[in-house]
N, C-alpha and C. Protein backbone atom coordinates (compact mmCIF):
# COMPACT_ATOMS: atom_id res chain seq x y z
N MET A 1 -23.76 -4.29 22.32
CA MET A 1 -22.63 -4.41 21.40
C MET A 1 -22.98 -5.39 20.29
N SER A 2 -22.71 -5.03 19.08
CA SER A 2 -23.04 -5.85 17.91
C SER A 2 -22.04 -6.98 17.74
N ASP A 3 -22.53 -8.13 17.24
CA ASP A 3 -21.66 -9.26 16.94
C ASP A 3 -21.08 -9.18 15.54
N VAL A 4 -21.50 -8.19 14.76
CA VAL A 4 -21.03 -8.04 13.38
C VAL A 4 -19.69 -7.31 13.39
N PRO A 5 -18.65 -7.90 12.80
CA PRO A 5 -17.34 -7.21 12.76
C PRO A 5 -17.46 -5.87 12.03
N ARG A 6 -16.75 -4.90 12.53
CA ARG A 6 -16.77 -3.55 11.94
C ARG A 6 -15.38 -3.12 11.48
N HIS A 7 -14.57 -4.06 11.08
CA HIS A 7 -13.21 -3.73 10.65
C HIS A 7 -13.22 -3.01 9.31
N ILE A 8 -12.30 -2.10 9.18
CA ILE A 8 -12.02 -1.45 7.91
C ILE A 8 -10.80 -2.14 7.33
N VAL A 9 -10.81 -2.41 6.04
CA VAL A 9 -9.64 -2.99 5.38
C VAL A 9 -9.03 -1.90 4.51
N ALA A 10 -7.73 -1.69 4.70
CA ALA A 10 -6.99 -0.69 3.93
C ALA A 10 -5.80 -1.36 3.26
N VAL A 11 -5.34 -0.76 2.18
CA VAL A 11 -4.17 -1.24 1.45
C VAL A 11 -3.22 -0.08 1.19
N SER A 12 -1.95 -0.40 1.06
CA SER A 12 -0.95 0.58 0.67
C SER A 12 0.16 -0.15 -0.08
N ALA A 13 1.04 0.61 -0.71
CA ALA A 13 2.10 -0.03 -1.50
C ALA A 13 3.40 0.73 -1.39
N LEU A 14 4.48 -0.06 -1.32
CA LEU A 14 5.83 0.48 -1.44
C LEU A 14 6.19 0.39 -2.92
N ILE A 15 6.44 1.54 -3.53
CA ILE A 15 6.74 1.62 -4.95
C ILE A 15 8.05 2.38 -5.10
N GLN A 16 8.96 1.82 -5.86
CA GLN A 16 10.23 2.50 -6.11
C GLN A 16 10.40 2.72 -7.61
N ASN A 17 11.04 3.83 -7.96
CA ASN A 17 11.33 4.11 -9.37
C ASN A 17 12.65 3.44 -9.77
N GLU A 18 13.08 3.67 -11.00
CA GLU A 18 14.30 3.05 -11.51
C GLU A 18 15.54 3.43 -10.69
N ALA A 19 15.52 4.60 -10.08
CA ALA A 19 16.65 5.07 -9.26
C ALA A 19 16.60 4.51 -7.84
N GLY A 20 15.55 3.76 -7.53
CA GLY A 20 15.43 3.19 -6.19
C GLY A 20 14.79 4.12 -5.18
N HIS A 21 14.25 5.25 -5.64
CA HIS A 21 13.57 6.19 -4.75
C HIS A 21 12.14 5.71 -4.50
N THR A 22 11.64 5.95 -3.29
CA THR A 22 10.36 5.43 -2.84
C THR A 22 9.27 6.49 -2.96
N LEU A 23 8.12 6.09 -3.52
CA LEU A 23 6.98 6.98 -3.65
C LEU A 23 6.28 7.11 -2.30
N LEU A 24 6.23 8.34 -1.79
CA LEU A 24 5.56 8.62 -0.52
C LEU A 24 4.61 9.79 -0.71
N VAL A 25 3.61 9.84 0.16
CA VAL A 25 2.63 10.92 0.11
C VAL A 25 2.49 11.54 1.49
N GLN A 26 2.03 12.79 1.49
CA GLN A 26 1.60 13.46 2.72
C GLN A 26 0.12 13.76 2.55
N THR A 27 -0.67 13.44 3.56
CA THR A 27 -2.09 13.77 3.52
C THR A 27 -2.34 15.05 4.30
N HIS A 28 -3.46 15.68 4.03
CA HIS A 28 -3.81 16.89 4.79
C HIS A 28 -4.07 16.53 6.25
N ASN A 29 -4.62 15.35 6.53
CA ASN A 29 -4.92 14.94 7.91
C ASN A 29 -3.68 14.54 8.69
N ARG A 30 -2.63 14.10 7.98
CA ARG A 30 -1.39 13.66 8.64
C ARG A 30 -0.19 14.34 7.97
N SER A 31 -0.24 15.66 7.91
CA SER A 31 0.77 16.40 7.16
C SER A 31 2.13 16.44 7.85
N ASN A 32 2.22 15.91 9.08
CA ASN A 32 3.51 15.89 9.78
C ASN A 32 4.35 14.67 9.41
N THR A 33 3.84 13.81 8.56
CA THR A 33 4.57 12.60 8.19
C THR A 33 4.37 12.25 6.72
N TRP A 34 5.31 11.51 6.19
CA TRP A 34 5.17 10.90 4.87
C TRP A 34 4.74 9.46 5.08
N GLU A 35 4.04 8.90 4.11
CA GLU A 35 3.56 7.53 4.19
C GLU A 35 3.41 6.94 2.79
N MET A 36 3.19 5.64 2.73
CA MET A 36 2.96 4.99 1.44
C MET A 36 1.57 5.37 0.94
N PRO A 37 1.40 5.50 -0.37
CA PRO A 37 0.05 5.77 -0.89
C PRO A 37 -0.84 4.55 -0.68
N GLY A 38 -2.12 4.81 -0.49
CA GLY A 38 -3.08 3.73 -0.30
C GLY A 38 -4.37 4.26 0.29
N GLY A 39 -5.24 3.33 0.64
CA GLY A 39 -6.51 3.75 1.21
C GLY A 39 -7.42 2.57 1.45
N GLN A 40 -8.67 2.88 1.65
CA GLN A 40 -9.67 1.89 2.04
C GLN A 40 -10.13 1.05 0.85
N VAL A 41 -10.30 -0.23 1.11
CA VAL A 41 -10.83 -1.18 0.13
C VAL A 41 -12.34 -1.01 0.08
N GLU A 42 -12.88 -0.97 -1.13
CA GLU A 42 -14.32 -0.87 -1.29
C GLU A 42 -14.96 -2.25 -1.15
N GLU A 43 -16.22 -2.28 -0.78
CA GLU A 43 -16.92 -3.54 -0.57
C GLU A 43 -16.85 -4.41 -1.82
N GLY A 44 -16.40 -5.67 -1.63
CA GLY A 44 -16.31 -6.63 -2.73
C GLY A 44 -15.10 -6.45 -3.63
N GLU A 45 -14.24 -5.50 -3.36
CA GLU A 45 -13.08 -5.21 -4.21
C GLU A 45 -11.90 -6.07 -3.80
N PRO A 46 -11.27 -6.78 -4.74
CA PRO A 46 -10.06 -7.53 -4.42
C PRO A 46 -8.94 -6.58 -3.98
N LEU A 47 -8.12 -7.05 -3.06
CA LEU A 47 -7.07 -6.20 -2.49
C LEU A 47 -6.11 -5.67 -3.54
N HIS A 48 -5.70 -6.52 -4.50
CA HIS A 48 -4.73 -6.08 -5.51
C HIS A 48 -5.32 -5.00 -6.42
N GLU A 49 -6.61 -5.06 -6.67
CA GLU A 49 -7.26 -4.01 -7.47
C GLU A 49 -7.40 -2.73 -6.65
N ALA A 50 -7.69 -2.88 -5.36
CA ALA A 50 -7.83 -1.70 -4.50
C ALA A 50 -6.54 -0.91 -4.40
N VAL A 51 -5.41 -1.61 -4.25
CA VAL A 51 -4.14 -0.89 -4.11
C VAL A 51 -3.78 -0.19 -5.42
N CYS A 52 -4.07 -0.83 -6.55
CA CYS A 52 -3.82 -0.16 -7.84
C CYS A 52 -4.69 1.08 -7.99
N ARG A 53 -5.95 0.96 -7.65
CA ARG A 53 -6.88 2.09 -7.75
C ARG A 53 -6.45 3.23 -6.83
N GLU A 54 -6.16 2.91 -5.58
CA GLU A 54 -5.80 3.95 -4.61
C GLU A 54 -4.52 4.69 -5.02
N VAL A 55 -3.51 3.95 -5.45
CA VAL A 55 -2.25 4.59 -5.86
C VAL A 55 -2.49 5.50 -7.06
N GLU A 56 -3.26 5.02 -8.03
CA GLU A 56 -3.54 5.85 -9.21
C GLU A 56 -4.37 7.09 -8.82
N GLU A 57 -5.37 6.91 -7.97
CA GLU A 57 -6.19 8.06 -7.55
C GLU A 57 -5.36 9.11 -6.82
N GLU A 58 -4.44 8.66 -5.98
CA GLU A 58 -3.68 9.60 -5.17
C GLU A 58 -2.50 10.24 -5.90
N THR A 59 -1.91 9.50 -6.84
CA THR A 59 -0.65 9.97 -7.43
C THR A 59 -0.61 10.00 -8.95
N GLY A 60 -1.53 9.30 -9.62
CA GLY A 60 -1.48 9.19 -11.07
C GLY A 60 -0.58 8.07 -11.56
N ILE A 61 0.10 7.38 -10.66
CA ILE A 61 1.04 6.32 -11.01
C ILE A 61 0.29 5.00 -11.21
N ILE A 62 0.64 4.28 -12.28
CA ILE A 62 0.08 2.94 -12.55
C ILE A 62 1.08 1.92 -12.02
N ILE A 63 0.58 0.96 -11.23
CA ILE A 63 1.46 -0.04 -10.61
C ILE A 63 1.02 -1.46 -10.94
N GLU A 64 1.94 -2.39 -10.69
CA GLU A 64 1.65 -3.82 -10.73
C GLU A 64 2.08 -4.38 -9.38
N PRO A 65 1.14 -4.91 -8.59
CA PRO A 65 1.51 -5.49 -7.29
C PRO A 65 2.41 -6.71 -7.47
N LEU A 66 3.47 -6.77 -6.67
CA LEU A 66 4.41 -7.89 -6.72
C LEU A 66 4.14 -8.90 -5.61
N GLY A 67 3.59 -8.44 -4.52
CA GLY A 67 3.29 -9.34 -3.41
C GLY A 67 2.97 -8.56 -2.15
N ILE A 68 2.43 -9.29 -1.18
CA ILE A 68 2.11 -8.71 0.12
C ILE A 68 3.32 -8.87 1.02
N THR A 69 3.71 -7.78 1.67
CA THR A 69 4.87 -7.81 2.55
C THR A 69 4.48 -7.80 4.02
N GLY A 70 3.22 -7.53 4.32
CA GLY A 70 2.79 -7.54 5.71
C GLY A 70 1.32 -7.24 5.86
N VAL A 71 0.77 -7.71 6.98
CA VAL A 71 -0.61 -7.43 7.36
C VAL A 71 -0.57 -6.88 8.79
N TYR A 72 -1.22 -5.75 9.01
CA TYR A 72 -1.11 -5.03 10.27
C TYR A 72 -2.51 -4.69 10.78
N PHE A 73 -2.67 -4.64 12.10
CA PHE A 73 -3.96 -4.32 12.70
C PHE A 73 -3.84 -3.15 13.65
N ASN A 74 -4.62 -2.10 13.43
CA ASN A 74 -4.71 -0.96 14.33
C ASN A 74 -5.91 -1.21 15.23
N GLN A 75 -5.66 -1.61 16.45
CA GLN A 75 -6.72 -1.98 17.38
C GLN A 75 -7.56 -0.78 17.79
N THR A 76 -6.97 0.39 17.83
CA THR A 76 -7.71 1.60 18.21
C THR A 76 -8.80 1.93 17.19
N SER A 77 -8.47 1.79 15.92
CA SER A 77 -9.40 2.16 14.85
C SER A 77 -10.05 0.97 14.15
N ASP A 78 -9.71 -0.25 14.56
CA ASP A 78 -10.22 -1.47 13.91
C ASP A 78 -9.92 -1.47 12.41
N ILE A 79 -8.67 -1.15 12.06
CA ILE A 79 -8.26 -1.12 10.66
C ILE A 79 -7.24 -2.24 10.42
N VAL A 80 -7.55 -3.09 9.46
CA VAL A 80 -6.62 -4.10 8.99
C VAL A 80 -5.93 -3.51 7.77
N SER A 81 -4.60 -3.39 7.81
CA SER A 81 -3.84 -2.81 6.71
C SER A 81 -3.00 -3.88 6.05
N VAL A 82 -3.16 -3.98 4.74
CA VAL A 82 -2.39 -4.94 3.95
C VAL A 82 -1.43 -4.14 3.08
N VAL A 83 -0.14 -4.44 3.22
CA VAL A 83 0.88 -3.69 2.50
C VAL A 83 1.44 -4.55 1.37
N PHE A 84 1.46 -3.98 0.19
CA PHE A 84 2.03 -4.60 -1.00
C PHE A 84 3.35 -3.95 -1.33
N ARG A 85 4.17 -4.67 -2.03
CA ARG A 85 5.28 -4.06 -2.76
C ARG A 85 4.82 -4.10 -4.21
N ALA A 86 5.10 -3.04 -4.95
CA ALA A 86 4.58 -2.94 -6.31
C ALA A 86 5.62 -2.35 -7.26
N HIS A 87 5.47 -2.70 -8.52
CA HIS A 87 6.33 -2.21 -9.60
C HIS A 87 5.68 -0.98 -10.23
N HIS A 88 6.47 0.06 -10.42
CA HIS A 88 6.00 1.27 -11.12
C HIS A 88 5.94 0.95 -12.61
N VAL A 89 4.75 0.82 -13.15
CA VAL A 89 4.57 0.45 -14.56
C VAL A 89 4.73 1.67 -15.45
N ARG A 90 3.99 2.74 -15.12
CA ARG A 90 4.09 3.96 -15.94
C ARG A 90 3.43 5.11 -15.20
N GLY A 91 3.69 6.28 -15.72
CA GLY A 91 3.06 7.48 -15.19
C GLY A 91 4.00 8.33 -14.37
N ASP A 92 3.71 9.60 -14.36
CA ASP A 92 4.41 10.56 -13.54
C ASP A 92 3.47 11.02 -12.44
N ILE A 93 4.04 11.53 -11.38
CA ILE A 93 3.21 11.96 -10.26
C ILE A 93 2.34 13.13 -10.69
N VAL A 94 1.05 12.91 -10.55
CA VAL A 94 0.05 13.94 -10.76
C VAL A 94 -0.91 13.81 -9.60
N LYS A 95 -0.75 14.65 -8.59
CA LYS A 95 -1.60 14.58 -7.40
C LYS A 95 -3.05 14.78 -7.83
N GLN A 96 -3.86 13.72 -7.62
CA GLN A 96 -5.22 13.75 -8.12
C GLN A 96 -6.27 13.71 -7.03
N ASP A 97 -5.90 13.38 -5.82
CA ASP A 97 -6.85 13.17 -4.74
C ASP A 97 -6.83 14.37 -3.81
N SER A 98 -7.99 14.84 -3.41
CA SER A 98 -8.06 16.02 -2.54
C SER A 98 -7.50 15.76 -1.14
N GLU A 99 -7.38 14.46 -0.75
CA GLU A 99 -6.81 14.13 0.56
C GLU A 99 -5.29 14.31 0.59
N ILE A 100 -4.67 14.30 -0.59
CA ILE A 100 -3.21 14.30 -0.68
C ILE A 100 -2.69 15.73 -0.76
N LYS A 101 -1.78 16.05 0.15
CA LYS A 101 -1.14 17.37 0.17
C LYS A 101 0.07 17.39 -0.76
N ALA A 102 0.85 16.28 -0.76
CA ALA A 102 2.05 16.20 -1.59
C ALA A 102 2.36 14.74 -1.89
N ALA A 103 3.01 14.51 -3.01
CA ALA A 103 3.47 13.17 -3.40
C ALA A 103 4.79 13.33 -4.12
N ARG A 104 5.75 12.46 -3.79
CA ARG A 104 7.03 12.53 -4.48
C ARG A 104 7.84 11.26 -4.23
N PHE A 105 8.82 11.04 -5.11
CA PHE A 105 9.77 9.96 -4.93
C PHE A 105 10.90 10.48 -4.06
N ILE A 106 11.20 9.75 -2.99
CA ILE A 106 12.19 10.16 -2.01
C ILE A 106 13.29 9.11 -1.92
N GLU A 107 14.52 9.56 -1.83
CA GLU A 107 15.63 8.64 -1.61
C GLU A 107 15.57 8.20 -0.15
N LEU A 108 14.90 7.08 0.09
CA LEU A 108 14.60 6.63 1.44
C LEU A 108 15.44 5.42 1.80
N SER A 109 15.94 5.42 3.03
CA SER A 109 16.73 4.27 3.52
C SER A 109 16.45 4.11 5.00
N GLU A 110 16.94 3.01 5.55
CA GLU A 110 16.80 2.79 6.99
C GLU A 110 17.50 3.90 7.77
N ALA A 111 18.57 4.44 7.20
CA ALA A 111 19.35 5.49 7.88
C ALA A 111 18.61 6.83 7.95
N ASN A 112 17.78 7.15 6.95
CA ASN A 112 17.14 8.47 6.94
C ASN A 112 15.62 8.42 7.09
N ILE A 113 15.05 7.26 7.32
CA ILE A 113 13.58 7.15 7.36
C ILE A 113 12.95 8.05 8.41
N ASP A 114 13.63 8.26 9.54
CA ASP A 114 13.08 9.10 10.60
C ASP A 114 12.95 10.57 10.18
N ASP A 115 13.68 10.98 9.17
CA ASP A 115 13.57 12.35 8.66
C ASP A 115 12.23 12.57 7.95
N PHE A 116 11.62 11.51 7.46
CA PHE A 116 10.40 11.61 6.65
C PHE A 116 9.18 10.98 7.33
N VAL A 117 9.36 9.81 7.92
CA VAL A 117 8.23 9.04 8.46
C VAL A 117 8.23 9.22 9.98
N LYS A 118 7.24 9.93 10.48
CA LYS A 118 7.20 10.31 11.89
C LYS A 118 6.33 9.39 12.75
N ARG A 119 5.57 8.52 12.14
CA ARG A 119 4.70 7.63 12.90
C ARG A 119 5.28 6.22 12.89
N PRO A 120 5.48 5.63 14.07
CA PRO A 120 6.18 4.35 14.16
C PRO A 120 5.49 3.21 13.43
N HIS A 121 4.15 3.22 13.38
CA HIS A 121 3.48 2.12 12.68
C HIS A 121 3.65 2.24 11.16
N PHE A 122 3.79 3.44 10.63
CA PHE A 122 4.10 3.60 9.20
C PHE A 122 5.54 3.18 8.92
N LYS A 123 6.42 3.54 9.83
CA LYS A 123 7.84 3.21 9.67
C LYS A 123 8.05 1.70 9.61
N SER A 124 7.44 0.95 10.52
CA SER A 124 7.65 -0.50 10.52
C SER A 124 7.11 -1.14 9.25
N ARG A 125 6.00 -0.64 8.73
CA ARG A 125 5.43 -1.18 7.48
C ARG A 125 6.37 -0.93 6.31
N ILE A 126 6.92 0.27 6.25
CA ILE A 126 7.83 0.62 5.16
C ILE A 126 9.10 -0.22 5.24
N LEU A 127 9.67 -0.33 6.43
CA LEU A 127 10.89 -1.12 6.58
C LEU A 127 10.65 -2.58 6.22
N ASP A 128 9.51 -3.15 6.64
CA ASP A 128 9.18 -4.52 6.27
C ASP A 128 9.07 -4.65 4.75
N ALA A 129 8.41 -3.71 4.12
CA ALA A 129 8.21 -3.76 2.66
C ALA A 129 9.53 -3.60 1.91
N MET A 130 10.44 -2.81 2.46
CA MET A 130 11.74 -2.61 1.80
C MET A 130 12.53 -3.92 1.74
N GLN A 131 12.29 -4.84 2.68
CA GLN A 131 12.98 -6.12 2.67
C GLN A 131 12.53 -7.02 1.52
N GLY A 132 11.33 -6.79 1.01
CA GLY A 132 10.86 -7.51 -0.17
C GLY A 132 10.55 -8.98 0.04
N ARG A 133 10.19 -9.38 1.25
CA ARG A 133 9.75 -10.76 1.49
C ARG A 133 8.24 -10.80 1.34
N TYR A 134 7.75 -11.75 0.56
CA TYR A 134 6.33 -11.79 0.24
C TYR A 134 5.65 -13.03 0.79
N ILE A 135 4.33 -12.90 0.96
CA ILE A 135 3.49 -14.04 1.28
C ILE A 135 2.55 -14.26 0.11
N PRO A 136 2.02 -15.48 -0.07
CA PRO A 136 1.09 -15.71 -1.19
C PRO A 136 -0.17 -14.87 -1.05
N TYR A 137 -0.75 -14.54 -2.19
CA TYR A 137 -2.02 -13.82 -2.25
C TYR A 137 -2.87 -14.44 -3.33
N GLU A 138 -4.09 -14.80 -3.00
CA GLU A 138 -5.00 -15.39 -3.98
C GLU A 138 -6.37 -14.73 -3.89
N VAL A 139 -7.04 -14.68 -5.04
CA VAL A 139 -8.43 -14.25 -5.13
C VAL A 139 -9.21 -15.41 -5.74
N TRP A 140 -10.25 -15.85 -5.05
CA TRP A 140 -11.05 -16.99 -5.49
C TRP A 140 -12.51 -16.61 -5.63
N GLU A 141 -13.18 -17.25 -6.56
CA GLU A 141 -14.63 -17.33 -6.58
C GLU A 141 -14.96 -18.75 -6.19
N THR A 142 -16.06 -18.93 -5.49
CA THR A 142 -16.51 -20.28 -5.17
C THR A 142 -17.89 -20.48 -5.79
N LYS A 143 -18.23 -21.72 -6.00
CA LYS A 143 -19.52 -22.09 -6.61
C LYS A 143 -19.58 -21.66 -8.05
N PRO A 144 -18.81 -22.13 -8.97
CA PRO A 144 -17.78 -23.15 -8.81
C PRO A 144 -16.46 -22.51 -8.36
N TYR A 145 -15.52 -23.33 -7.94
CA TYR A 145 -14.23 -22.84 -7.48
C TYR A 145 -13.40 -22.41 -8.67
N THR A 146 -13.04 -21.12 -8.68
CA THR A 146 -12.25 -20.56 -9.77
C THR A 146 -11.20 -19.63 -9.18
N LEU A 147 -9.93 -19.93 -9.44
CA LEU A 147 -8.85 -19.05 -9.02
C LEU A 147 -8.78 -17.88 -10.00
N LEU A 148 -8.99 -16.68 -9.50
CA LEU A 148 -9.00 -15.50 -10.35
C LEU A 148 -7.65 -14.81 -10.43
N GLU A 149 -6.90 -14.87 -9.33
CA GLU A 149 -5.61 -14.16 -9.29
C GLU A 149 -4.73 -14.84 -8.25
N ARG A 150 -3.45 -14.97 -8.55
CA ARG A 150 -2.48 -15.45 -7.57
C ARG A 150 -1.19 -14.68 -7.78
N ILE A 151 -0.70 -14.11 -6.70
CA ILE A 151 0.62 -13.48 -6.71
C ILE A 151 1.53 -14.41 -5.91
N GLU A 152 2.53 -14.92 -6.56
CA GLU A 152 3.46 -15.89 -5.95
C GLU A 152 4.46 -15.19 -5.06
N PRO A 153 4.80 -15.81 -3.92
CA PRO A 153 5.91 -15.27 -3.13
C PRO A 153 7.20 -15.33 -3.93
N GLY A 154 8.02 -14.34 -3.77
CA GLY A 154 9.32 -14.35 -4.44
C GLY A 154 9.32 -13.73 -5.80
N LYS A 155 8.16 -13.29 -6.31
CA LYS A 155 8.12 -12.59 -7.59
C LYS A 155 8.92 -11.30 -7.43
N THR A 156 9.87 -11.06 -8.30
CA THR A 156 10.73 -9.89 -8.15
C THR A 156 10.65 -9.00 -9.38
N LEU A 157 11.20 -7.82 -9.25
CA LEU A 157 11.20 -6.85 -10.36
C LEU A 157 11.99 -7.34 -11.53
């Protein structure tokens, strides 16, 4: 057994339009459920840039991350998932990724989430993100120490 960690880091985002509807996607691999758009972080890529890239690749929507609402670990797959809440800056849904079967804004609430989100780990992430509580997020370079990005907790739309 190797001592080198083999975790995958993934990001996703809860994005709502002006009407308060939530952007969700269905993938071909998980077509029985809706989920937040997102995907795997590339090597050396900051998390906030990864979530912007993934959302744009999957849906055509341009976002601005507002903050991290949760960090989750899938022990079966060794996946660390970081969930952002994000502001819809511009763009209409244009499904651009071959992994995505469908993408749309859905009038989603705690009362109807079970109609759309069939996997409990996706449901808990969405419900946490809907609450809009954030933790700090920073990107640093060292040698010399330079703060490149900081998203403050409590930043709101």
